PDB file of N, CA and C in Angstrom:
ATOM      1  N   MET A   1    -157.556  31.282 -28.804  1.00  0.00           N
ATOM      2  CA  MET A   1    -158.398  32.627 -28.811  1.00  0.00           C
ATOM      3  C   MET A   1    -157.736  33.589 -27.834  1.00  0.00           C
ATOM      4  N   LYS A   2    -157.533  34.768 -28.436  1.00  0.00           N
ATOM      5  CA  LYS A   2    -156.628  35.835 -27.747  1.00  0.00           C
ATOM      6  C   LYS A   2    -157.956  36.389 -26.720  1.00  0.00           C
ATOM      7  N   GLN A   3    -157.535  36.432 -25.249  1.00  0.00           N
ATOM      8  CA  GLN A   3    -158.114  37.174 -24.363  1.00  0.00           C
ATOM      9  C   GLN A   3    -157.850  38.714 -23.980  1.00  0.00           C
ATOM     10  N   GLY A   4    -158.489  39.273 -23.732  1.00  0.00           N
ATOM     11  CA  GLY A   4    -158.475  41.003 -23.283  1.00  0.00           C
ATOM     12  C   GLY A   4    -157.225  41.164 -22.195  1.00  0.00           C
ATOM     13  N   PHE A   5    -157.153  42.399 -21.846  1.00  0.00           N
ATOM     14  CA  PHE A   5    -156.575  43.012 -21.205  1.00  0.00           C
ATOM     15  C   PHE A   5    -156.946  42.491 -19.413  1.00  0.00           C
ATOM     16  N   TRP A   6    -158.370  42.722 -19.501  1.00  0.00           N
ATOM     17  CA  TRP A   6    -159.378  43.116 -18.743  1.00  0.00           C
ATOM     18  C   TRP A   6    -159.696  41.030 -17.684  1.00  0.00           C
ATOM     19  N   GLN A   7    -159.405  40.730 -19.050  1.00  0.00           N
ATOM     20  CA  GLN A   7    -159.658  39.095 -18.766  1.00  0.00           C
ATOM     21  C   GLN A   7    -158.487  38.816 -18.274  1.00  0.00           C
ATOM     22  N   ASP A   8    -157.452  39.191 -18.522  1.00  0.00           N
ATOM     23  CA  ASP A   8    -156.215  38.504 -18.176  1.00  0.00           C
ATOM     24  C   ASP A   8    -156.049  38.866 -16.422  1.00  0.00           C
ATOM     25  N   TYR A   9    -156.400  40.532 -16.678  1.00  0.00           N
ATOM     26  CA  TYR A   9    -156.266  41.344 -15.284  1.00  0.00           C
ATOM     27  C   TYR A   9    -156.927  40.631 -14.036  1.00  0.00           C
ATOM     28  N   ARG A  10    -157.985  39.900 -14.216  1.00  0.00           N
ATOM     29  CA  ARG A  10    -159.094  39.349 -13.374  1.00  0.00           C
ATOM     30  C   ARG A  10    -158.834  37.956 -12.994  1.00  0.00           C
ATOM     31  N   ALA A  11    -157.868  37.253 -14.198  1.00  0.00           N
ATOM     32  CA  ALA A  11    -157.139  35.820 -14.274  1.00  0.00           C
ATOM     33  C   ALA A  11    -155.860  35.826 -13.101  1.00  0.00           C
ATOM     34  N   CYS A  12    -155.349  37.083 -12.969  1.00  0.00           N
ATOM     35  CA  CYS A  12    -154.141  37.348 -11.887  1.00  0.00           C
ATOM     36  C   CYS A  12    -154.601  37.129 -10.223  1.00  0.00           C
ATOM     37  N   PHE A  13    -155.935  37.304 -10.312  1.00  0.00           N
ATOM     38  CA  PHE A  13    -156.789  36.907  -8.777  1.00  0.00           C
ATOM     39  C   PHE A  13    -157.185  35.822  -8.783  1.00  0.00           C
ATOM     40  N   ARG A  14    -157.067  34.775  -9.374  1.00  0.00           N
ATOM     41  CA  ARG A  14    -157.416  33.467  -9.300  1.00  0.00           C
ATOM     42  C   ARG A  14    -156.300  32.599  -9.214  1.00  0.00           C
ATOM     43  N   GLY A  15    -156.527  31.340  -8.751  1.00  0.00           N
ATOM     44  CA  GLY A  15    -155.305  30.344  -8.731  1.00  0.00           C
ATOM     45  C   GLY A  15    -154.554  30.403  -7.628  1.00  0.00           C
ATOM     46  N   ALA A  16    -153.456  29.736  -7.927  1.00  0.00           N
ATOM     47  CA  ALA A  16    -152.714  29.727  -7.107  1.00  0.00           C
ATOM     48  C   ALA A  16    -152.091  30.848  -6.763  1.00  0.00           C
ATOM     49  N   TYR A  17    -151.403  31.860  -7.208  1.00  0.00           N
ATOM     50  CA  TYR A  17    -151.209  33.068  -6.902  1.00  0.00           C
ATOM     51  C   TYR A  17    -151.759  34.029  -6.688  1.00  0.00           C
ATOM     52  N   GLY A  18    -153.272  33.654  -6.930  1.00  0.00           N
ATOM     53  CA  GLY A  18    -154.178  35.204  -6.761  1.00  0.00           C
ATOM     54  C   GLY A  18    -153.881  35.813  -5.199  1.00  0.00           C
ATOM     55  N   TRP A  19    -153.903  34.765  -4.207  1.00  0.00           N
ATOM     56  CA  TRP A  19    -153.737  35.843  -3.164  1.00  0.00           C
ATOM     57  C   TRP A  19    -152.278  36.914  -2.790  1.00  0.00           C
ATOM     58  N   THR A  20    -151.479  36.586  -3.693  1.00  0.00           N
ATOM     59  CA  THR A  20    -150.502  37.449  -3.852  1.00  0.00           C
ATOM     60  C   THR A  20    -150.707  38.462  -4.428  1.00  0.00           C
ATOM     61  N   SER A  21    -151.177  38.687  -5.792  1.00  0.00           N
ATOM     62  CA  SER A  21    -151.968  39.533  -6.490  1.00  0.00           C
ATOM     63  C   SER A  21    -152.642  40.162  -5.944  1.00  0.00           C
ATOM     64  N   TRP A  22    -153.543  40.229  -4.686  1.00  0.00           N
ATOM     65  CA  TRP A  22    -154.632  40.744  -4.047  1.00  0.00           C
ATOM     66  C   TRP A  22    -153.307  41.588  -2.947  1.00  0.00           C
ATOM     67  N   LEU A  23    -152.097  40.977  -2.350  1.00  0.00           N
ATOM     68  CA  LEU A  23    -151.303  41.550  -1.506  1.00  0.00           C
ATOM     69  C   LEU A  23    -150.540  42.838  -2.104  1.00  0.00           C
ATOM     70  N   VAL A  24    -150.303  42.149  -3.626  1.00  0.00           N
ATOM     71  CA  VAL A  24    -149.402  43.659  -4.230  1.00  0.00           C
ATOM     72  C   VAL A  24    -150.781  44.688  -4.520  1.00  0.00           C
ATOM     73  N   THR A  25    -151.478  44.411  -5.010  1.00  0.00           N
ATOM     74  CA  THR A  25    -152.743  45.623  -5.303  1.00  0.00           C
ATOM     75  C   THR A  25    -152.457  46.527  -3.956  1.00  0.00           C
ATOM     76  N   ILE A  26    -152.850  45.847  -2.730  1.00  0.00           N
ATOM     77  CA  ILE A  26    -153.196  46.716  -1.549  1.00  0.00           C
ATOM     78  C   ILE A  26    -151.536  47.204  -0.885  1.00  0.00           C
ATOM     79  N   TYR A  27    -150.528  46.614  -1.735  1.00  0.00           N
ATOM     80  CA  TYR A  27    -149.295  47.358  -1.193  1.00  0.00           C
ATOM     81  C   TYR A  27    -149.177  48.849  -1.782  1.00  0.00           C
ATOM     82  N   ILE A  28    -149.562  48.496  -3.402  1.00  0.00           N
ATOM     83  CA  ILE A  28    -149.643  49.447  -4.485  1.00  0.00           C
ATOM     84  C   ILE A  28    -150.842  50.810  -3.764  1.00  0.00           C
ATOM     85  N   VAL A  29    -151.726  50.365  -3.669  1.00  0.00           N
ATOM     86  CA  VAL A  29    -152.599  51.543  -3.270  1.00  0.00           C
ATOM     87  C   VAL A  29    -152.286  52.192  -1.656  1.00  0.00           C
ATOM     88  N   ILE A  30    -151.460  51.775  -0.982  1.00  0.00           N
ATOM     89  CA  ILE A  30    -150.811  52.383   0.114  1.00  0.00           C
ATOM     90  C   ILE A  30    -149.963  52.551  -0.208  1.00  0.00           C
ATOM     91  N   LEU A  31    -148.740  52.466  -0.883  1.00  0.00           N
ATOM     92  CA  LEU A  31    -147.918  53.351  -1.271  1.00  0.00           C
ATOM     93  C   LEU A  31    -147.749  54.651  -2.172  1.00  0.00           C
ATOM     94  N   VAL A  32    -148.896  54.689  -2.806  1.00  0.00           N
ATOM     95  CA  VAL A  32    -149.292  55.663  -3.752  1.00  0.00           C
ATOM     96  C   VAL A  32    -149.383  57.064  -2.889  1.00  0.00           C
ATOM     97  N   PRO A  33    -150.442  57.130  -1.567  1.00  0.00           N
ATOM     98  CA  PRO A  33    -150.414  58.233  -1.092  1.00  0.00           C
ATOM     99  C   PRO A  33    -149.331  57.831  -0.115  1.00  0.00           C
ATOM    100  N   VAL A  34    -148.657  57.298   0.273  1.00  0.00           N
ATOM    101  CA  VAL A  34    -147.352  57.478   1.604  1.00  0.00           C
ATOM    102  C   VAL A  34    -146.412  58.276   0.271  1.00  0.00           C
ATOM    103  N   LEU A  35    -146.334  57.816  -0.856  1.00  0.00           N
ATOM    104  CA  LEU A  35    -145.529  58.441  -2.230  1.00  0.00           C
ATOM    105  C   LEU A  35    -145.485  60.299  -2.368  1.00  0.00           C
ATOM    106  N   VAL A  36    -147.017  59.874  -2.300  1.00  0.00           N
ATOM    107  CA  VAL A  36    -147.343  61.976  -2.377  1.00  0.00           C
ATOM    108  C   VAL A  36    -147.263  62.673  -1.165  1.00  0.00           C
ATOM    109  N   TRP A  37    -147.452  61.856   0.242  1.00  0.00           N
ATOM    110  CA  TRP A  37    -147.345  62.599   0.958  1.00  0.00           C
ATOM    111  C   TRP A  37    -145.405  62.925   1.273  1.00  0.00           C
ATOM    112  N   LEU A  38    -144.631  61.535   1.254  1.00  0.00           N
ATOM    113  CA  LEU A  38    -143.257  62.008   0.875  1.00  0.00           C
ATOM    114  C   LEU A  38    -142.985  63.067   0.205  1.00  0.00           C
ATOM    115  N   ILE A  39    -143.489  63.251  -0.942  1.00  0.00           N
ATOM    116  CA  ILE A  39    -143.074  64.364  -1.955  1.00  0.00           C
ATOM    117  C   ILE A  39    -143.276  65.707  -1.160  1.00  0.00           C
ATOM    118  N   VAL A  40    -145.143  65.868  -0.486  1.00  0.00           N
ATOM    119  CA  VAL A  40    -145.466  67.218   0.149  1.00  0.00           C
ATOM    120  C   VAL A  40    -143.991  67.300   1.213  1.00  0.00           C
ATOM    121  N   ARG A  41    -144.030  66.593   1.900  1.00  0.00           N
ATOM    122  CA  ARG A  41    -143.144  66.654   3.313  1.00  0.00           C
ATOM    123  C   ARG A  41    -141.989  66.854   2.597  1.00  0.00           C
ATOM    124  N   ALA A  42    -141.294  66.745   1.728  1.00  0.00           N
ATOM    125  CA  ALA A  42    -139.664  66.865   1.068  1.00  0.00           C
ATOM    126  C   ALA A  42    -139.398  68.358   0.684  1.00  0.00           C
ATOM    127  N   LEU A  43    -141.055  68.683  -0.063  1.00  0.00           N
ATOM    128  CA  LEU A  43    -140.688  70.019  -0.362  1.00  0.00           C
ATOM    129  C   LEU A  43    -141.103  71.392   1.112  1.00  0.00           C
ATOM    130  N   GLU A  44    -141.599  71.118   1.667  1.00  0.00           N
ATOM    131  CA  GLU A  44    -141.951  71.667   3.191  1.00  0.00           C
ATOM    132  C   GLU A  44    -140.952  71.784   4.156  1.00  0.00           C
ATOM    133  N   VAL A  45    -140.244  70.821   4.266  1.00  0.00           N
ATOM    134  CA  VAL A  45    -139.193  70.871   5.559  1.00  0.00           C
ATOM    135  C   VAL A  45    -138.267  72.056   5.021  1.00  0.00           C
ATOM    136  N   GLU A  46    -137.721  72.408   6.400  1.00  0.00           N
ATOM    137  CA  GLU A  46    -136.797  73.570   6.130  1.00  0.00           C
ATOM    138  C   GLU A  46    -135.185  72.899   6.082  1.00  0.00           C
ATOM    139  N   THR A  47    -134.965  72.004   7.231  1.00  0.00           N
ATOM    140  CA  THR A  47    -133.514  71.882   6.841  1.00  0.00           C
ATOM    141  C   THR A  47    -133.014  70.688   5.839  1.00  0.00           C
ATOM    142  N   THR A  48    -132.111  70.620   5.173  1.00  0.00           N
ATOM    143  CA  THR A  48    -131.681  69.922   4.129  1.00  0.00           C
ATOM    144  C   THR A  48    -131.302  68.518   4.651  1.00  0.00           C
ATOM    145  N   ARG A  49    -130.756  68.182   5.715  1.00  0.00           N
ATOM    146  CA  ARG A  49    -130.850  66.958   6.573  1.00  0.00           C
ATOM    147  C   ARG A  49    -132.060  66.431   6.074  1.00  0.00           C
ATOM    148  N   GLU A  50    -133.347  66.895   6.630  1.00  0.00           N
ATOM    149  CA  GLU A  50    -134.610  66.422   6.381  1.00  0.00           C
ATOM    150  C   GLU A  50    -135.122  66.587   4.852  1.00  0.00           C
ATOM    151  N   GLN A  51    -134.496  66.925   4.211  1.00  0.00           N
ATOM    152  CA  GLN A  51    -134.763  66.942   2.894  1.00  0.00           C
ATOM    153  C   GLN A  51    -134.029  65.882   2.444  1.00  0.00           C
ATOM    154  N   ILE A  52    -133.131  65.571   2.673  1.00  0.00           N
ATOM    155  CA  ILE A  52    -132.175  64.204   1.939  1.00  0.00           C
ATOM    156  C   ILE A  52    -133.228  62.936   2.374  1.00  0.00           C
ATOM    157  N   LEU A  53    -133.655  63.268   3.561  1.00  0.00           N
ATOM    158  CA  LEU A  53    -134.248  61.836   4.443  1.00  0.00           C
ATOM    159  C   LEU A  53    -135.627  61.698   3.743  1.00  0.00           C
ATOM    160  N   TYR A  54    -136.285  62.732   3.534  1.00  0.00           N
ATOM    161  CA  TYR A  54    -137.554  62.738   2.770  1.00  0.00           C
ATOM    162  C   TYR A  54    -137.325  62.114   1.268  1.00  0.00           C
ATOM    163  N   SER A  55    -136.809  62.712   0.746  1.00  0.00           N
ATOM    164  CA  SER A  55    -136.183  62.459  -0.850  1.00  0.00           C
ATOM    165  C   SER A  55    -135.804  61.184  -0.737  1.00  0.00           C
ATOM    166  N   ALA A  56    -135.020  60.403  -0.154  1.00  0.00           N
ATOM    167  CA  ALA A  56    -134.394  59.074  -0.085  1.00  0.00           C
ATOM    168  C   ALA A  56    -136.057  58.019   0.288  1.00  0.00           C
ATOM    169  N   GLY A  57    -136.925  58.795   0.788  1.00  0.00           N
ATOM    170  CA  GLY A  57    -138.071  57.915   1.100  1.00  0.00           C
ATOM    171  C   GLY A  57    -138.762  58.053  -0.213  1.00  0.00           C
ATOM    172  N   VAL A  58    -138.857  58.958  -0.867  1.00  0.00           N
ATOM    173  CA  VAL A  58    -139.478  59.077  -2.193  1.00  0.00           C
ATOM    174  C   VAL A  58    -138.800  57.970  -3.178  1.00  0.00           C
ATOM    175  N   ILE A  59    -137.652  58.339  -3.006  1.00  0.00           N
ATOM    176  CA  ILE A  59    -136.950  57.429  -3.984  1.00  0.00           C
ATOM    177  C   ILE A  59    -137.226  55.875  -3.697  1.00  0.00           C
ATOM    178  N   LEU A  60    -137.072  55.421  -2.536  1.00  0.00           N
ATOM    179  CA  LEU A  60    -137.389  54.185  -2.076  1.00  0.00           C
ATOM    180  C   LEU A  60    -138.969  53.586  -2.412  1.00  0.00           C
ATOM    181  N   ALA A  61    -139.995  54.766  -1.924  1.00  0.00           N
ATOM    182  CA  ALA A  61    -141.166  54.348  -2.461  1.00  0.00           C
ATOM    183  C   ALA A  61    -141.350  54.023  -3.770  1.00  0.00           C
ATOM    184  N   VAL A  62    -141.062  55.123  -4.593  1.00  0.00           N
ATOM    185  CA  VAL A  62    -140.895  54.689  -6.342  1.00  0.00           C
ATOM    186  C   VAL A  62    -140.364  53.638  -6.386  1.00  0.00           C
ATOM    187  N   MET A  63    -139.191  53.026  -6.086  1.00  0.00           N
ATOM    188  CA  MET A  63    -139.081  51.959  -6.329  1.00  0.00           C
ATOM    189  C   MET A  63    -139.189  50.588  -6.125  1.00  0.00           C
ATOM    190  N   TRP A  64    -140.416  50.355  -4.933  1.00  0.00           N
ATOM    191  CA  TRP A  64    -141.212  49.573  -4.406  1.00  0.00           C
ATOM    192  C   TRP A  64    -142.211  49.615  -5.014  1.00  0.00           C
ATOM    193  N   ILE A  65    -142.806  50.596  -5.727  1.00  0.00           N
ATOM    194  CA  ILE A  65    -144.144  50.854  -6.487  1.00  0.00           C
ATOM    195  C   ILE A  65    -143.749  50.089  -7.637  1.00  0.00           C
ATOM    196  N   ALA A  66    -142.453  49.985  -8.218  1.00  0.00           N
ATOM    197  CA  ALA A  66    -142.274  49.825  -9.807  1.00  0.00           C
ATOM    198  C   ALA A  66    -141.910  48.718  -9.515  1.00  0.00           C
ATOM    199  N   PHE A  67    -141.409  47.787  -8.452  1.00  0.00           N
ATOM    200  CA  PHE A  67    -140.916  46.398  -8.543  1.00  0.00           C
ATOM    201  C   PHE A  67    -142.213  45.660  -8.428  1.00  0.00           C
ATOM    202  N   LEU A  68    -143.038  46.205  -7.863  1.00  0.00           N
ATOM    203  CA  LEU A  68    -144.431  45.701  -7.588  1.00  0.00           C
ATOM    204  C   LEU A  68    -145.184  45.504  -8.819  1.00  0.00           C
ATOM    205  N   LYS A  69    -145.212  46.575  -9.522  1.00  0.00           N
ATOM    206  CA  LYS A  69    -145.950  46.729 -11.016  1.00  0.00           C
ATOM    207  C   LYS A  69    -145.088  45.863 -11.770  1.00  0.00           C
ATOM    208  N   LEU A  70    -144.000  45.725 -11.472  1.00  0.00           N
ATOM    209  CA  LEU A  70    -143.207  44.963 -12.606  1.00  0.00           C
ATOM    210  C   LEU A  70    -143.519  42.820 -12.478  1.00  0.00           C
ATOM    211  N   TRP A  71    -143.083  43.087 -10.688  1.00  0.00           N
ATOM    212  CA  TRP A  71    -143.882  42.025 -10.357  1.00  0.00           C
ATOM    213  C   TRP A  71    -145.382  41.346 -11.249  1.00  0.00           C
ATOM    214  N   PHE A  72    -146.670  42.502 -11.095  1.00  0.00           N
ATOM    215  CA  PHE A  72    -147.550  42.265 -11.868  1.00  0.00           C
ATOM    216  C   PHE A  72    -147.756  42.072 -13.417  1.00  0.00           C
ATOM    217  N   TRP A  73    -146.938  42.711 -14.106  1.00  0.00           N
ATOM    218  CA  TRP A  73    -146.802  42.658 -15.323  1.00  0.00           C
ATOM    219  C   TRP A  73    -146.200  41.266 -15.879  1.00  0.00           C
ATOM    220  N   MET A  74    -144.942  40.838 -14.964  1.00  0.00           N
ATOM    221  CA  MET A  74    -144.248  39.634 -15.280  1.00  0.00           C
ATOM    222  C   MET A  74    -145.417  38.473 -14.883  1.00  0.00           C
ATOM    223  N   ARG A  75    -146.571  38.598 -13.757  1.00  0.00           N
ATOM    224  CA  ARG A  75    -147.627  37.788 -13.890  1.00  0.00           C
ATOM    225  C   ARG A  75    -148.470  37.577 -14.945  1.00  0.00           C
ATOM    226  N   LEU A  76    -148.689  38.678 -15.387  1.00  0.00           N
ATOM    227  CA  LEU A  76    -150.180  39.094 -16.844  1.00  0.00           C
ATOM    228  C   LEU A  76    -149.205  38.161 -17.954  1.00  0.00           C
ATOM    229  N   ASN A  77    -147.895  38.661 -17.823  1.00  0.00           N
ATOM    230  CA  ASN A  77    -146.816  37.781 -19.025  1.00  0.00           C
ATOM    231  C   ASN A  77    -146.999  36.327 -19.024  1.00  0.00           C
ATOM    232  N   ASN A  78    -147.190  35.575 -17.272  1.00  0.00           N
ATOM    233  CA  ASN A  78    -147.109  34.146 -17.175  1.00  0.00           C
ATOM    234  C   ASN A  78    -148.493  34.002 -17.706  1.00  0.00           C
ATOM    235  N   ILE A  79    -149.477  34.181 -17.106  1.00  0.00           N
ATOM    236  CA  ILE A  79    -150.971  33.847 -17.598  1.00  0.00           C
ATOM    237  C   ILE A  79    -150.792  33.571 -18.898  1.00  0.00           C
ATOM    238  N   GLU A  80    -150.669  35.074 -19.899  1.00  0.00           N
ATOM    239  CA  GLU A  80    -150.610  34.996 -21.430  1.00  0.00           C
ATOM    240  C   GLU A  80    -149.755  33.439 -21.688  1.00  0.00           C
ATOM    241  N   LEU A  81    -148.394  33.482 -21.192  1.00  0.00           N
ATOM    242  CA  LEU A  81    -147.835  32.221 -21.657  1.00  0.00           C
ATOM    243  C   LEU A  81    -148.532  30.733 -21.479  1.00  0.00           C
ATOM    244  N   GLU A  82    -148.746  30.744 -20.118  1.00  0.00           N
ATOM    245  CA  GLU A  82    -149.737  29.333 -20.174  1.00  0.00           C
ATOM    246  C   GLU A  82    -150.764  28.733 -20.923  1.00  0.00           C
ATOM    247  N   ARG A  83    -151.416  30.384 -21.232  1.00  0.00           N
ATOM    248  CA  ARG A  83    -152.522  30.174 -22.478  1.00  0.00           C
ATOM    249  C   ARG A  83    -152.028  29.639 -23.574  1.00  0.00           C
ATOM    250  N   ARG A  84    -150.727  30.357 -24.157  1.00  0.00           N
ATOM    251  CA  ARG A  84    -150.474  29.925 -25.150  1.00  0.00           C
ATOM    252  C   ARG A  84    -149.972  28.438 -25.528  1.00  0.00           C
ATOM    253  N   VAL A  85    -149.383  27.851 -24.322  1.00  0.00           N
ATOM    254  CA  VAL A  85    -148.930  26.536 -24.280  1.00  0.00           C
ATOM    255  C   VAL A  85    -149.906  25.554 -24.386  1.00  0.00           C
ATOM    256  N   ARG A  86    -150.894  25.647 -23.327  1.00  0.00           N
ATOM    257  CA  ARG A  86    -152.265  25.230 -23.398  1.00  0.00           C
ATOM    258  C   ARG A  86    -152.973  25.139 -24.726  1.00  0.00           C
ATOM    259  N   ASP A  87    -152.962  26.300 -25.615  1.00  0.00           N
ATOM    260  CA  ASP A  87    -153.241  26.126 -26.748  1.00  0.00           C
ATOM    261  C   ASP A  87    -152.660  25.549 -27.995  1.00  0.00           C
ATOM    262  N   ILE A  88    -151.372  25.352 -27.838  1.00  0.00           N
ATOM    263  CA  ILE A  88    -150.138  24.511 -28.753  1.00  0.00           C
ATOM    264  C   ILE A  88    -150.564  23.111 -28.576  1.00  0.00           C
ATOM    265  N   VAL A  89    -150.587  23.317 -26.779  1.00  0.00           N
ATOM    266  CA  VAL A  89    -150.720  21.358 -26.752  1.00  0.00           C
ATOM    267  C   VAL A  89    -152.209  20.845 -26.790  1.00  0.00           C
ATOM    268  N   ASP A  90    -153.017  21.903 -26.796  1.00  0.00           N
ATOM    269  CA  ASP A  90    -154.641  21.313 -27.721  1.00  0.00           C
ATOM    270  C   ASP A  90    -154.395  20.601 -29.028  1.00  0.00           C
ATOM    271  N   GLN A  91    -153.732  22.214 -29.682  1.00  0.00           N
ATOM    272  CA  GLN A  91    -153.978  21.656 -31.068  1.00  0.00           C
ATOM    273  C   GLN A  91    -152.970  20.434 -31.379  1.00  0.00           C
ATOM    274  N   THR A  92    -151.851  20.080 -31.114  1.00  0.00           N
ATOM    275  CA  THR A  92    -150.881  18.687 -30.923  1.00  0.00           C
ATOM    276  C   THR A  92    -152.200  17.423 -30.825  1.00  0.00           C
ATOM    277  N   ARG A  93    -152.971  17.584 -29.763  1.00  0.00           N
ATOM    278  CA  ARG A  93    -153.824  16.483 -29.809  1.00  0.00           C
ATOM    279  C   ARG A  93    -154.438  15.931 -30.957  1.00  0.00           C
TER     280      ARG A  93
END
């Protein structure tokens, strides 16, 4: 039986890798305001050197958030795959 997105999402926080899902979620929640702050600072500073440094920080924060979200979506995919394999095994019994 196909479960919905929210059931899969909650399943990410259970099991052996549940703590890593919580850690990823906390990192994303922390990084989004940091990203906004870096963008604001990059637009406010006067010197080109500071603009480049803050812009590099923006790029790193965006990449970090993207990698964390990619990990989370791969975790959701893994949960779905495990469920499908379990269903196939149950059907063959």
